[in-house]
PDB file of N, CA and C in Angstrom:
ATOM      1  N   MET A   1       9.337   6.352 -10.437  1.00  0.00           N
ATOM      2  CA  MET A   1       9.189   5.032  -9.945  1.00  0.00           C
ATOM      3  C   MET A   1       9.165   5.028  -8.455  1.00  0.00           C
ATOM      4  N   ILE A   2       8.315   4.316  -7.826  1.00  0.00           N
ATOM      5  CA  ILE A   2       8.196   4.306  -6.410  1.00  0.00           C
ATOM      6  C   ILE A   2       9.329   3.318  -5.850  1.00  0.00           C
ATOM      7  N   ALA A   3      10.113   3.893  -4.956  1.00  0.00           N
ATOM      8  CA  ALA A   3      11.160   2.998  -4.393  1.00  0.00           C
ATOM      9  C   ALA A   3      10.763   2.462  -3.040  1.00  0.00           C
ATOM     10  N   ALA A   4       9.530   2.630  -2.688  1.00  0.00           N
ATOM     11  CA  ALA A   4       9.077   2.205  -1.429  1.00  0.00           C
ATOM     12  C   ALA A   4       9.045   0.759  -1.284  1.00  0.00           C
ATOM     13  N   LEU A   5       9.259   0.246  -0.119  1.00  0.00           N
ATOM     14  CA  LEU A   5       9.312  -1.185   0.196  1.00  0.00           C
ATOM     15  C   LEU A   5       8.193  -1.553   1.136  1.00  0.00           C
ATOM     16  N   PHE A   6       7.553  -2.570   0.858  1.00  0.00           N
ATOM     17  CA  PHE A   6       6.360  -3.099   1.672  1.00  0.00           C
ATOM     18  C   PHE A   6       6.648  -4.509   2.027  1.00  0.00           C
ATOM     19  N   CYS A   7       7.108  -4.801   3.252  1.00  0.00           N
ATOM     20  CA  CYS A   7       7.298  -6.207   3.593  1.00  0.00           C
ATOM     21  C   CYS A   7       6.101  -6.706   4.380  1.00  0.00           C
ATOM     22  N   LEU A   8       5.517  -7.765   3.964  1.00  0.00           N
ATOM     23  CA  LEU A   8       4.228  -8.303   4.488  1.00  0.00           C
ATOM     24  C   LEU A   8       4.479  -9.709   4.977  1.00  0.00           C
ATOM     25  N   ALA A   9       4.075  -9.943   6.225  1.00  0.00           N
ATOM     26  CA  ALA A   9       4.165 -11.325   6.727  1.00  0.00           C
ATOM     27  C   ALA A   9       2.792 -11.690   7.239  1.00  0.00           C
ATOM     28  N   LEU A  10       2.384 -12.888   6.851  1.00  0.00           N
ATOM     29  CA  LEU A  10       1.037 -13.423   7.165  1.00  0.00           C
ATOM     30  C   LEU A  10       1.312 -14.265   8.480  1.00  0.00           C
ATOM     31  N   ALA A  11       0.486 -13.904   9.503  1.00  0.00           N
ATOM     32  CA  ALA A  11       0.606 -14.681  10.759  1.00  0.00           C
ATOM     33  C   ALA A  11      -0.800 -15.082  11.250  1.00  0.00           C
ATOM     34  N   LEU A  12      -0.775 -16.194  11.880  1.00  0.00           N
ATOM     35  CA  LEU A  12      -2.034 -16.759  12.528  1.00  0.00           C
ATOM     36  C   LEU A  12      -3.236 -16.751  11.603  1.00  0.00           C
ATOM     37  N   PRO A  13      -3.176 -17.457  10.447  1.00  0.00           N
ATOM     38  CA  PRO A  13      -4.344 -17.358   9.577  1.00  0.00           C
ATOM     39  C   PRO A  13      -5.557 -18.050  10.157  1.00  0.00           C
ATOM     40  N   ALA A  14      -6.731 -17.591   9.864  1.00  0.00           N
ATOM     41  CA  ALA A  14      -7.947 -18.196  10.220  1.00  0.00           C
ATOM     42  C   ALA A  14      -8.801 -18.260   8.957  1.00  0.00           C
ATOM     43  N   ALA A  15      -9.969 -18.953   9.138  1.00  0.00           N
ATOM     44  CA  ALA A  15     -10.775 -19.109   7.933  1.00  0.00           C
ATOM     45  C   ALA A  15     -11.237 -17.798   7.437  1.00  0.00           C
ATOM     46  N   ALA A  16     -11.769 -16.871   8.268  1.00  0.00           N
ATOM     47  CA  ALA A  16     -12.260 -15.604   7.664  1.00  0.00           C
ATOM     48  C   ALA A  16     -11.412 -14.418   8.054  1.00  0.00           C
ATOM     49  N   GLN A  17     -10.553 -14.602   8.994  1.00  0.00           N
ATOM     50  CA  GLN A  17      -9.693 -13.450   9.453  1.00  0.00           C
ATOM     51  C   GLN A  17      -8.225 -13.912   9.644  1.00  0.00           C
ATOM     52  N   SER A  18      -7.350 -12.904   9.524  1.00  0.00           N
ATOM     53  CA  SER A  18      -5.945 -13.189   9.804  1.00  0.00           C
ATOM     54  C   SER A  18      -5.284 -11.859  10.234  1.00  0.00           C
ATOM     55  N   ASN A  19      -4.109 -12.014  10.675  1.00  0.00           N
ATOM     56  CA  ASN A  19      -3.245 -10.785  11.103  1.00  0.00           C
ATOM     57  C   ASN A  19      -2.211 -10.562  10.036  1.00  0.00           C
ATOM     58  N   LEU A  20      -1.982  -9.377   9.650  1.00  0.00           N
ATOM     59  CA  LEU A  20      -0.876  -9.011   8.750  1.00  0.00           C
ATOM     60  C   LEU A  20       0.060  -8.081   9.545  1.00  0.00           C
ATOM     61  N   LYS A  21       1.340  -8.339   9.392  1.00  0.00           N
ATOM     62  CA  LYS A  21       2.341  -7.483  10.038  1.00  0.00           C
ATOM     63  C   LYS A  21       3.125  -6.896   8.885  1.00  0.00           C
ATOM     64  N   SER A  22       3.467  -5.542   9.086  1.00  0.00           N
ATOM     65  CA  SER A  22       4.157  -4.887   8.001  1.00  0.00           C
ATOM     66  C   SER A  22       5.108  -3.810   8.557  1.00  0.00           C
ATOM     67  N   HIS A  23       6.286  -3.785   7.962  1.00  0.00           N
ATOM     68  CA  HIS A  23       7.233  -2.728   8.177  1.00  0.00           C
ATOM     69  C   HIS A  23       7.085  -1.891   6.875  1.00  0.00           C
ATOM     70  N   LEU A  24       6.371  -0.723   6.913  1.00  0.00           N
ATOM     71  CA  LEU A  24       5.970  -0.026   5.812  1.00  0.00           C
ATOM     72  C   LEU A  24       6.844   1.216   5.546  1.00  0.00           C
ATOM     73  N   LEU A  25       7.276   1.370   4.321  1.00  0.00           N
ATOM     74  CA  LEU A  25       8.040   2.610   3.972  1.00  0.00           C
ATOM     75  C   LEU A  25       7.199   3.323   2.939  1.00  0.00           C
ATOM     76  N   VAL A  26       6.966   4.611   3.124  1.00  0.00           N
ATOM     77  CA  VAL A  26       6.194   5.400   2.165  1.00  0.00           C
ATOM     78  C   VAL A  26       7.078   6.621   1.751  1.00  0.00           C
ATOM     79  N   ASP A  27       7.328   6.652   0.455  1.00  0.00           N
ATOM     80  CA  ASP A  27       8.242   7.715  -0.112  1.00  0.00           C
ATOM     81  C   ASP A  27       7.582   9.088   0.081  1.00  0.00           C
ATOM     82  N   ALA A  28       8.338  10.150   0.031  1.00  0.00           N
ATOM     83  CA  ALA A  28       7.944  11.523   0.134  1.00  0.00           C
ATOM     84  C   ALA A  28       6.893  11.831  -0.908  1.00  0.00           C
ATOM     85  N   GLY A  29       5.759  12.415  -0.548  1.00  0.00           N
ATOM     86  CA  GLY A  29       4.786  12.863  -1.523  1.00  0.00           C
ATOM     87  C   GLY A  29       3.901  11.705  -1.957  1.00  0.00           C
ATOM     88  N   LYS A  30       3.999  10.583  -1.328  1.00  0.00           N
ATOM     89  CA  LYS A  30       3.102   9.358  -1.753  1.00  0.00           C
ATOM     90  C   LYS A  30       2.155   9.072  -0.573  1.00  0.00           C
ATOM     91  N   GLN A  31       1.229   8.197  -0.856  1.00  0.00           N
ATOM     92  CA  GLN A  31       0.382   7.637   0.220  1.00  0.00           C
ATOM     93  C   GLN A  31       0.271   6.142  -0.167  1.00  0.00           C
ATOM     94  N   PHE A  32       0.015   5.385   0.968  1.00  0.00           N
ATOM     95  CA  PHE A  32      -0.152   3.977   0.875  1.00  0.00           C
ATOM     96  C   PHE A  32      -1.651   3.734   1.199  1.00  0.00           C
ATOM     97  N   ALA A  33      -2.322   2.994   0.285  1.00  0.00           N
ATOM     98  CA  ALA A  33      -3.776   2.665   0.424  1.00  0.00           C
ATOM     99  C   ALA A  33      -3.909   1.174   0.778  1.00  0.00           C
ATOM    100  N   LEU A  34      -4.619   0.909   1.904  1.00  0.00           N
ATOM    101  CA  LEU A  34      -4.912  -0.415   2.229  1.00  0.00           C
ATOM    102  C   LEU A  34      -6.416  -0.612   2.356  1.00  0.00           C
ATOM    103  N   GLY A  35      -6.975  -1.563   1.592  1.00  0.00           N
ATOM    104  CA  GLY A  35      -8.348  -1.894   1.643  1.00  0.00           C
ATOM    105  C   GLY A  35      -9.065  -1.389   0.455  1.00  0.00           C
ATOM    106  N   GLY A  36     -10.433  -1.384   0.641  1.00  0.00           N
ATOM    107  CA  GLY A  36     -11.346  -1.041  -0.388  1.00  0.00           C
ATOM    108  C   GLY A  36     -12.006  -2.181  -1.055  1.00  0.00           C
ATOM    109  N   GLY A  37     -13.203  -2.337  -0.705  1.00  0.00           N
ATOM    110  CA  GLY A  37     -13.992  -3.493  -1.291  1.00  0.00           C
ATOM    111  C   GLY A  37     -14.057  -4.711  -0.449  1.00  0.00           C
ATOM    112  N   GLN A  38     -13.325  -4.786   0.668  1.00  0.00           N
ATOM    113  CA  GLN A  38     -13.381  -5.993   1.559  1.00  0.00           C
ATOM    114  C   GLN A  38     -14.733  -6.109   2.171  1.00  0.00           C
ATOM    115  N   PRO A  39     -15.270  -7.367   2.457  1.00  0.00           N
ATOM    116  CA  PRO A  39     -16.564  -7.549   2.936  1.00  0.00           C
ATOM    117  C   PRO A  39     -16.747  -7.185   4.448  1.00  0.00           C
ATOM    118  N   GLY A  40     -15.688  -7.087   5.183  1.00  0.00           N
ATOM    119  CA  GLY A  40     -15.780  -6.775   6.621  1.00  0.00           C
ATOM    120  C   GLY A  40     -14.851  -5.647   6.953  1.00  0.00           C
ATOM    121  N   SER A  41     -14.923  -5.315   8.348  1.00  0.00           N
ATOM    122  CA  SER A  41     -14.074  -4.184   8.870  1.00  0.00           C
ATOM    123  C   SER A  41     -12.624  -4.776   9.197  1.00  0.00           C
ATOM    124  N   PHE A  42     -11.762  -3.883   9.411  1.00  0.00           N
ATOM    125  CA  PHE A  42     -10.419  -4.268   9.874  1.00  0.00           C
ATOM    126  C   PHE A  42      -9.869  -3.144  10.773  1.00  0.00           C
ATOM    127  N   THR A  43      -8.902  -3.486  11.628  1.00  0.00           N
ATOM    128  CA  THR A  43      -8.276  -2.602  12.567  1.00  0.00           C
ATOM    129  C   THR A  43      -6.806  -2.572  12.230  1.00  0.00           C
ATOM    130  N   VAL A  44      -6.241  -1.333  12.277  1.00  0.00           N
ATOM    131  CA  VAL A  44      -4.756  -1.096  12.137  1.00  0.00           C
ATOM    132  C   VAL A  44      -4.229  -0.588  13.333  1.00  0.00           C
ATOM    133  N   ALA A  45      -3.235  -1.293  13.908  1.00  0.00           N
ATOM    134  CA  ALA A  45      -2.503  -0.914  15.074  1.00  0.00           C
ATOM    135  C   ALA A  45      -1.156  -0.586  14.587  1.00  0.00           C
ATOM    136  N   GLY A  46      -0.584   0.598  14.920  1.00  0.00           N
ATOM    137  CA  GLY A  46       0.775   0.842  14.420  1.00  0.00           C
ATOM    138  C   GLY A  46       1.501   1.936  15.171  1.00  0.00           C
ATOM    139  N   ARG A  47       2.769   1.991  14.849  1.00  0.00           N
ATOM    140  CA  ARG A  47       3.698   2.920  15.416  1.00  0.00           C
ATOM    141  C   ARG A  47       4.510   3.649  14.293  1.00  0.00           C
ATOM    142  N   ASN A  48       4.575   4.965  14.421  1.00  0.00           N
ATOM    143  CA  ASN A  48       5.358   5.718  13.506  1.00  0.00           C
ATOM    144  C   ASN A  48       6.815   5.559  13.918  1.00  0.00           C
ATOM    145  N   SER A  49       7.527   4.762  13.286  1.00  0.00           N
ATOM    146  CA  SER A  49       8.993   4.427  13.696  1.00  0.00           C
ATOM    147  C   SER A  49       9.934   5.254  12.863  1.00  0.00           C
ATOM    148  N   GLY A  50       9.468   6.205  12.071  1.00  0.00           N
ATOM    149  CA  GLY A  50      10.302   7.040  11.222  1.00  0.00           C
ATOM    150  C   GLY A  50      10.469   8.416  11.752  1.00  0.00           C
ATOM    151  N   PRO A  51      11.167   9.256  10.942  1.00  0.00           N
ATOM    152  CA  PRO A  51      11.502  10.615  11.322  1.00  0.00           C
ATOM    153  C   PRO A  51      10.449  11.765  10.984  1.00  0.00           C
ATOM    154  N   VAL A  52       9.387  11.398  10.250  1.00  0.00           N
ATOM    155  CA  VAL A  52       8.412  12.354   9.793  1.00  0.00           C
ATOM    156  C   VAL A  52       7.013  12.015  10.233  1.00  0.00           C
ATOM    157  N   PRO A  53       6.120  13.019  10.477  1.00  0.00           N
ATOM    158  CA  PRO A  53       4.780  12.708  10.790  1.00  0.00           C
ATOM    159  C   PRO A  53       4.062  12.232   9.583  1.00  0.00           C
ATOM    160  N   VAL A  54       2.936  11.460   9.712  1.00  0.00           N
ATOM    161  CA  VAL A  54       2.145  11.008   8.579  1.00  0.00           C
ATOM    162  C   VAL A  54       0.694  11.293   8.983  1.00  0.00           C
ATOM    163  N   GLU A  55      -0.092  11.553   7.984  1.00  0.00           N
ATOM    164  CA  GLU A  55      -1.526  11.640   8.200  1.00  0.00           C
ATOM    165  C   GLU A  55      -2.185  10.296   7.911  1.00  0.00           C
ATOM    166  N   VAL A  56      -3.164   9.994   8.752  1.00  0.00           N
ATOM    167  CA  VAL A  56      -3.964   8.785   8.501  1.00  0.00           C
ATOM    168  C   VAL A  56      -5.338   9.218   8.166  1.00  0.00           C
ATOM    169  N   ALA A  57      -5.835   8.634   7.118  1.00  0.00           N
ATOM    170  CA  ALA A  57      -7.237   9.019   6.659  1.00  0.00           C
ATOM    171  C   ALA A  57      -7.984   7.719   6.243  1.00  0.00           C
ATOM    172  N   GLU A  58      -9.287   7.936   6.041  1.00  0.00           N
ATOM    173  CA  GLU A  58     -10.137   6.859   5.651  1.00  0.00           C
ATOM    174  C   GLU A  58     -10.863   7.274   4.419  1.00  0.00           C
ATOM    175  N   ARG A  59     -10.948   6.427   3.366  1.00  0.00           N
ATOM    176  CA  ARG A  59     -11.692   6.688   2.183  1.00  0.00           C
ATOM    177  C   ARG A  59     -12.816   5.670   2.189  1.00  0.00           C
ATOM    178  N   PRO A  60     -14.028   6.011   2.629  1.00  0.00           N
ATOM    179  CA  PRO A  60     -15.203   5.081   2.576  1.00  0.00           C
ATOM    180  C   PRO A  60     -15.621   4.752   1.210  1.00  0.00           C
ATOM    181  N   ARG A  61     -16.490   3.890   1.051  1.00  0.00           N
ATOM    182  CA  ARG A  61     -17.050   3.478  -0.281  1.00  0.00           C
ATOM    183  C   ARG A  61     -17.610   4.731  -1.034  1.00  0.00           C
ATOM    184  N   SER A  62     -18.106   5.718  -0.232  1.00  0.00           N
ATOM    185  CA  SER A  62     -18.582   6.961  -0.903  1.00  0.00           C
ATOM    186  C   SER A  62     -17.490   7.720  -1.521  1.00  0.00           C
ATOM    187  N   GLY A  63     -16.217   7.541  -1.234  1.00  0.00           N
ATOM    188  CA  GLY A  63     -15.251   8.212  -1.838  1.00  0.00           C
ATOM    189  C   GLY A  63     -14.634   9.448  -1.179  1.00  0.00           C
ATOM    190  N   ALA A  64     -15.365  10.024  -0.252  1.00  0.00           N
ATOM    191  CA  ALA A  64     -15.057  11.203   0.459  1.00  0.00           C
ATOM    192  C   ALA A  64     -14.047  11.018   1.484  1.00  0.00           C
ATOM    193  N   VAL A  65     -12.797  11.375   1.306  1.00  0.00           N
ATOM    194  CA  VAL A  65     -11.626  11.085   2.279  1.00  0.00           C
ATOM    195  C   VAL A  65     -11.855  11.930   3.537  1.00  0.00           C
ATOM    196  N   VAL A  66     -11.705  11.196   4.697  1.00  0.00           N
ATOM    197  CA  VAL A  66     -11.910  11.798   5.993  1.00  0.00           C
ATOM    198  C   VAL A  66     -10.629  11.559   6.872  1.00  0.00           C
ATOM    199  N   SER A  67      -9.983  12.676   7.272  1.00  0.00           N
ATOM    200  CA  SER A  67      -8.747  12.586   8.004  1.00  0.00           C
ATOM    201  C   SER A  67      -9.086  11.969   9.378  1.00  0.00           C
ATOM    202  N   ARG A  68      -8.214  10.999   9.789  1.00  0.00           N
ATOM    203  CA  ARG A  68      -8.384  10.361  11.132  1.00  0.00           C
ATOM    204  C   ARG A  68      -7.383  10.874  12.084  1.00  0.00           C
ATOM    205  N   GLY A  69      -6.406  11.763  11.578  1.00  0.00           N
ATOM    206  CA  GLY A  69      -5.456  12.385  12.531  1.00  0.00           C
ATOM    207  C   GLY A  69      -4.025  12.230  11.917  1.00  0.00           C
ATOM    208  N   THR A  70      -3.059  12.789  12.687  1.00  0.00           N
ATOM    209  CA  THR A  70      -1.629  12.738  12.368  1.00  0.00           C
ATOM    210  C   THR A  70      -0.902  11.909  13.348  1.00  0.00           C
ATOM    211  N   LEU A  71      -0.005  11.052  12.864  1.00  0.00           N
ATOM    212  CA  LEU A  71       0.748  10.264  13.697  1.00  0.00           C
ATOM    213  C   LEU A  71       2.179  10.738  13.750  1.00  0.00           C
ATOM    214  N   ALA A  72       2.608  11.360  14.848  1.00  0.00           N
ATOM    215  CA  ALA A  72       3.923  12.015  14.995  1.00  0.00           C
ATOM    216  C   ALA A  72       5.013  10.834  15.148  1.00  0.00           C
ATOM    217  N   PRO A  73       6.243  11.155  14.887  1.00  0.00           N
ATOM    218  CA  PRO A  73       7.305  10.195  15.053  1.00  0.00           C
ATOM    219  C   PRO A  73       7.221   9.626  16.488  1.00  0.00           C
ATOM    220  N   GLY A  74       7.328   8.277  16.591  1.00  0.00           N
ATOM    221  CA  GLY A  74       7.270   7.665  17.950  1.00  0.00           C
ATOM    222  C   GLY A  74       5.860   7.405  18.392  1.00  0.00           C
ATOM    223  N   GLN A  75       4.892   7.999  17.867  1.00  0.00           N
ATOM    224  CA  GLN A  75       3.461   7.883  18.356  1.00  0.00           C
ATOM    225  C   GLN A  75       2.880   6.511  17.820  1.00  0.00           C
ATOM    226  N   ARG A  76       1.943   6.003  18.697  1.00  0.00           N
ATOM    227  CA  ARG A  76       1.165   4.791  18.378  1.00  0.00           C
ATOM    228  C   ARG A  76      -0.297   5.142  18.286  1.00  0.00           C
ATOM    229  N   ALA A  77      -1.043   4.279  17.443  1.00  0.00           N
ATOM    230  CA  ALA A  77      -2.421   4.510  17.325  1.00  0.00           C
ATOM    231  C   ALA A  77      -3.021   3.194  16.943  1.00  0.00           C
ATOM    232  N   ARG A  78      -4.397   3.013  17.193  1.00  0.00           N
ATOM    233  CA  ARG A  78      -5.175   1.886  16.862  1.00  0.00           C
ATOM    234  C   ARG A  78      -6.428   2.393  16.198  1.00  0.00           C
ATOM    235  N   LEU A  79      -6.720   2.117  14.949  1.00  0.00           N
ATOM    236  CA  LEU A  79      -7.890   2.707  14.275  1.00  0.00           C
ATOM    237  C   LEU A  79      -8.651   1.576  13.618  1.00  0.00           C
ATOM    238  N   ARG A  80      -9.954   1.626  13.690  1.00  0.00           N
ATOM    239  CA  ARG A  80     -10.823   0.700  12.984  1.00  0.00           C
ATOM    240  C   ARG A  80     -11.351   1.277  11.688  1.00  0.00           C
ATOM    241  N   PHE A  81     -11.387   0.478  10.615  1.00  0.00           N
ATOM    242  CA  PHE A  81     -11.868   0.927   9.293  1.00  0.00           C
ATOM    243  C   PHE A  81     -13.048   0.026   8.924  1.00  0.00           C
ATOM    244  N   ALA A  82     -14.140   0.771   8.388  1.00  0.00           N
ATOM    245  CA  ALA A  82     -15.396   0.108   8.096  1.00  0.00           C
ATOM    246  C   ALA A  82     -15.284  -0.828   6.823  1.00  0.00           C
ATOM    247  N   GLU A  83     -16.209  -1.683   6.808  1.00  0.00           N
ATOM    248  CA  GLU A  83     -16.359  -2.569   5.642  1.00  0.00           C
ATOM    249  C   GLU A  83     -16.313  -1.779   4.359  1.00  0.00           C
ATOM    250  N   GLY A  84     -15.426  -2.213   3.439  1.00  0.00           N
ATOM    251  CA  GLY A  84     -15.306  -1.506   2.115  1.00  0.00           C
ATOM    252  C   GLY A  84     -14.492  -0.278   2.144  1.00  0.00           C
ATOM    253  N   SER A  85     -14.050   0.221   3.328  1.00  0.00           N
ATOM    254  CA  SER A  85     -13.182   1.449   3.404  1.00  0.00           C
ATOM    255  C   SER A  85     -11.817   1.104   3.112  1.00  0.00           C
ATOM    256  N   THR A  86     -11.000   2.233   2.727  1.00  0.00           N
ATOM    257  CA  THR A  86      -9.621   2.160   2.515  1.00  0.00           C
ATOM    258  C   THR A  86      -8.932   2.981   3.522  1.00  0.00           C
ATOM    259  N   ALA A  87      -7.919   2.440   4.217  1.00  0.00           N
ATOM    260  CA  ALA A  87      -7.018   3.203   5.131  1.00  0.00           C
ATOM    261  C   ALA A  87      -5.927   3.844   4.271  1.00  0.00           C
ATOM    262  N   LEU A  88      -5.642   5.111   4.530  1.00  0.00           N
ATOM    263  CA  LEU A  88      -4.654   5.843   3.751  1.00  0.00           C
ATOM    264  C   LEU A  88      -3.598   6.287   4.760  1.00  0.00           C
ATOM    265  N   VAL A  89      -2.300   6.113   4.453  1.00  0.00           N
ATOM    266  CA  VAL A  89      -1.217   6.541   5.178  1.00  0.00           C
ATOM    267  C   VAL A  89      -0.557   7.558   4.258  1.00  0.00           C
ATOM    268  N   VAL A  90      -0.621   8.867   4.573  1.00  0.00           N
ATOM    269  CA  VAL A  90      -0.214   9.914   3.686  1.00  0.00           C
ATOM    270  C   VAL A  90       1.099  10.642   4.139  1.00  0.00           C
ATOM    271  N   ASN A  91       2.079  10.562   3.329  1.00  0.00           N
ATOM    272  CA  ASN A  91       3.427  11.208   3.679  1.00  0.00           C
ATOM    273  C   ASN A  91       3.501  12.504   2.803  1.00  0.00           C
ATOM    274  N   ARG A  92       3.301  13.640   3.482  1.00  0.00           N
ATOM    275  CA  ARG A  92       3.405  14.944   2.719  1.00  0.00           C
ATOM    276  C   ARG A  92       4.819  15.566   2.901  1.00  0.00           C
ATOM    277  N   SER A  93       5.741  14.842   3.599  1.00  0.00           N
ATOM    278  CA  SER A  93       7.026  15.451   3.919  1.00  0.00           C
ATOM    279  C   SER A  93       7.948  15.243   2.684  1.00  0.00           C
ATOM    280  N   ALA A  94       9.158  15.757   2.905  1.00  0.00           N
ATOM    281  CA  ALA A  94      10.155  15.652   1.826  1.00  0.00           C
ATOM    282  C   ALA A  94      11.123  14.410   2.122  1.00  0.00           C
ATOM    283  N   ARG A  95      10.806  13.608   3.206  1.00  0.00           N
ATOM    284  CA  ARG A  95      11.595  12.472   3.644  1.00  0.00           C
ATOM    285  C   ARG A  95      10.692  11.252   3.612  1.00  0.00           C
ATOM    286  N   GLN A  96      11.333  10.110   3.637  1.00  0.00           N
ATOM    287  CA  GLN A  96      10.683   8.824   3.663  1.00  0.00           C
ATOM    288  C   GLN A  96       9.990   8.581   5.013  1.00  0.00           C
ATOM    289  N   ALA A  97       8.705   8.088   5.072  1.00  0.00           N
ATOM    290  CA  ALA A  97       8.135   7.710   6.268  1.00  0.00           C
ATOM    291  C   ALA A  97       8.337   6.197   6.593  1.00  0.00           C
ATOM    292  N   VAL A  98       8.323   5.888   7.838  1.00  0.00           N
ATOM    293  CA  VAL A  98       8.563   4.440   8.199  1.00  0.00           C
ATOM    294  C   VAL A  98       7.536   4.158   9.342  1.00  0.00           C
ATOM    295  N   LEU A  99       6.747   3.052   9.143  1.00  0.00           N
ATOM    296  CA  LEU A  99       5.713   2.677  10.147  1.00  0.00           C
ATOM    297  C   LEU A  99       5.835   1.135  10.335  1.00  0.00           C
ATOM    298  N   ASP A 100       5.455   0.688  11.572  1.00  0.00           N
ATOM    299  CA  ASP A 100       5.314  -0.696  11.857  1.00  0.00           C
ATOM    300  C   ASP A 100       3.885  -0.918  12.108  1.00  0.00           C
ATOM    301  N   LEU A 101       3.213  -1.779  11.399  1.00  0.00           N
ATOM    302  CA  LEU A 101       1.764  -1.897  11.498  1.00  0.00           C
ATOM    303  C   LEU A 101       1.347  -3.375  11.718  1.00  0.00           C
ATOM    304  N   THR A 102       0.233  -3.598  12.362  1.00  0.00           N
ATOM    305  CA  THR A 102      -0.413  -4.858  12.508  1.00  0.00           C
ATOM    306  C   THR A 102      -1.888  -4.649  12.077  1.00  0.00           C
ATOM    307  N   VAL A 103      -2.356  -5.433  11.148  1.00  0.00           N
ATOM    308  CA  VAL A 103      -3.715  -5.319  10.662  1.00  0.00           C
ATOM    309  C   VAL A 103      -4.457  -6.545  11.101  1.00  0.00           C
ATOM    310  N   ARG A 104      -5.577  -6.315  11.697  1.00  0.00           N
ATOM    311  CA  ARG A 104      -6.459  -7.477  12.208  1.00  0.00           C
ATOM    312  C   ARG A 104      -7.913  -7.305  11.651  1.00  0.00           C
ATOM    313  N   GLY A 105      -8.598  -8.453  11.517  1.00  0.00           N
ATOM    314  CA  GLY A 105      -9.902  -8.325  11.079  1.00  0.00           C
ATOM    315  C   GLY A 105     -10.036  -9.080   9.737  1.00  0.00           C
ATOM    316  N   ASP A 106     -10.962  -8.561   8.907  1.00  0.00           N
ATOM    317  CA  ASP A 106     -11.193  -9.200   7.590  1.00  0.00           C
ATOM    318  C   ASP A 106     -10.152  -8.716   6.680  1.00  0.00           C
ATOM    319  N   THR A 107      -9.098  -9.432   6.534  1.00  0.00           N
ATOM    320  CA  THR A 107      -7.952  -9.221   5.666  1.00  0.00           C
ATOM    321  C   THR A 107      -7.938  -9.943   4.369  1.00  0.00           C
ATOM    322  N   ARG A 108      -8.964 -10.743   4.108  1.00  0.00           N
ATOM    323  CA  ARG A 108      -9.012 -11.644   2.932  1.00  0.00           C
ATOM    324  C   ARG A 108      -8.889 -10.953   1.581  1.00  0.00           C
ATOM    325  N   ALA A 109      -9.508  -9.816   1.435  1.00  0.00           N
ATOM    326  CA  ALA A 109      -9.533  -9.189   0.181  1.00  0.00           C
ATOM    327  C   ALA A 109      -8.936  -7.742   0.259  1.00  0.00           C
ATOM    328  N   LEU A 110      -8.003  -7.506   1.214  1.00  0.00           N
ATOM    329  CA  LEU A 110      -7.449  -6.112   1.307  1.00  0.00           C
ATOM    330  C   LEU A 110      -6.563  -5.847   0.069  1.00  0.00           C
ATOM    331  N   GLN A 111      -6.818  -4.740  -0.563  1.00  0.00           N
ATOM    332  CA  GLN A 111      -5.995  -4.286  -1.624  1.00  0.00           C
ATOM    333  C   GLN A 111      -4.836  -3.450  -1.059  1.00  0.00           C
ATOM    334  N   MET A 112      -3.665  -3.447  -1.714  1.00  0.00           N
ATOM    335  CA  MET A 112      -2.553  -2.616  -1.162  1.00  0.00           C
ATOM    336  C   MET A 112      -1.893  -2.001  -2.276  1.00  0.00           C
ATOM    337  N   VAL A 113      -1.808  -0.649  -2.386  1.00  0.00           N
ATOM    338  CA  VAL A 113      -1.242   0.100  -3.440  1.00  0.00           C
ATOM    339  C   VAL A 113      -0.688   1.433  -2.953  1.00  0.00           C
ATOM    340  N   TYR A 114       0.377   1.844  -3.677  1.00  0.00           N
ATOM    341  CA  TYR A 114       0.929   3.229  -3.492  1.00  0.00           C
ATOM    342  C   TYR A 114       0.241   4.174  -4.467  1.00  0.00           C
ATOM    343  N   GLU A 115       0.070   5.375  -3.989  1.00  0.00           N
ATOM    344  CA  GLU A 115      -0.551   6.377  -4.861  1.00  0.00           C
ATOM    345  C   GLU A 115       0.141   7.753  -4.592  1.00  0.00           C
ATOM    346  N   PRO A 116      -0.009   8.772  -5.469  1.00  0.00           N
ATOM    347  CA  PRO A 116       0.401  10.048  -5.165  1.00  0.00           C
ATOM    348  C   PRO A 116      -0.335  10.626  -4.005  1.00  0.00           C
ATOM    349  N   ALA A 117       0.248  11.389  -3.107  1.00  0.00           N
ATOM    350  CA  ALA A 117      -0.516  11.869  -1.973  1.00  0.00           C
ATOM    351  C   ALA A 117      -1.654  12.732  -2.399  1.00  0.00           C
ATOM    352  N   SER A 118      -2.806  12.466  -1.802  1.00  0.00           N
ATOM    353  CA  SER A 118      -4.032  13.283  -2.091  1.00  0.00           C
ATOM    354  C   SER A 118      -3.913  14.688  -1.505  1.00  0.00           C
ATOM    355  N   ARG A 119      -4.655  15.558  -2.051  1.00  0.00           N
ATOM    356  CA  ARG A 119      -4.615  16.933  -1.586  1.00  0.00           C
ATOM    357  C   ARG A 119      -5.504  17.182  -0.343  1.00  0.00           C
TER     358      ARG A 119
END
């Protein structure tokens, strides 16, 4: 059973776009998937506020996962994800990962799910 917690606050809603803020916890050996099937692009700005590095990847509609880099503890990044793509936050460590994220853009149909970490 996944004991990860995902707190989501909706801020500044607009007709087609809104901002999402999240304090994201990802258990060891899991990944968090955000998006997939949304009609527009979105941007994720975040800070790794936890003790372990995490990999950030993109799974486009084609399904081929592409690594976008590693976010070390304390490091910040801002990444744009294409229409229909899924952003993946992968925790391959033995400890829980903690991130603070802001998602902007087309957030109307973003799916959010925890999965086993991909290889």
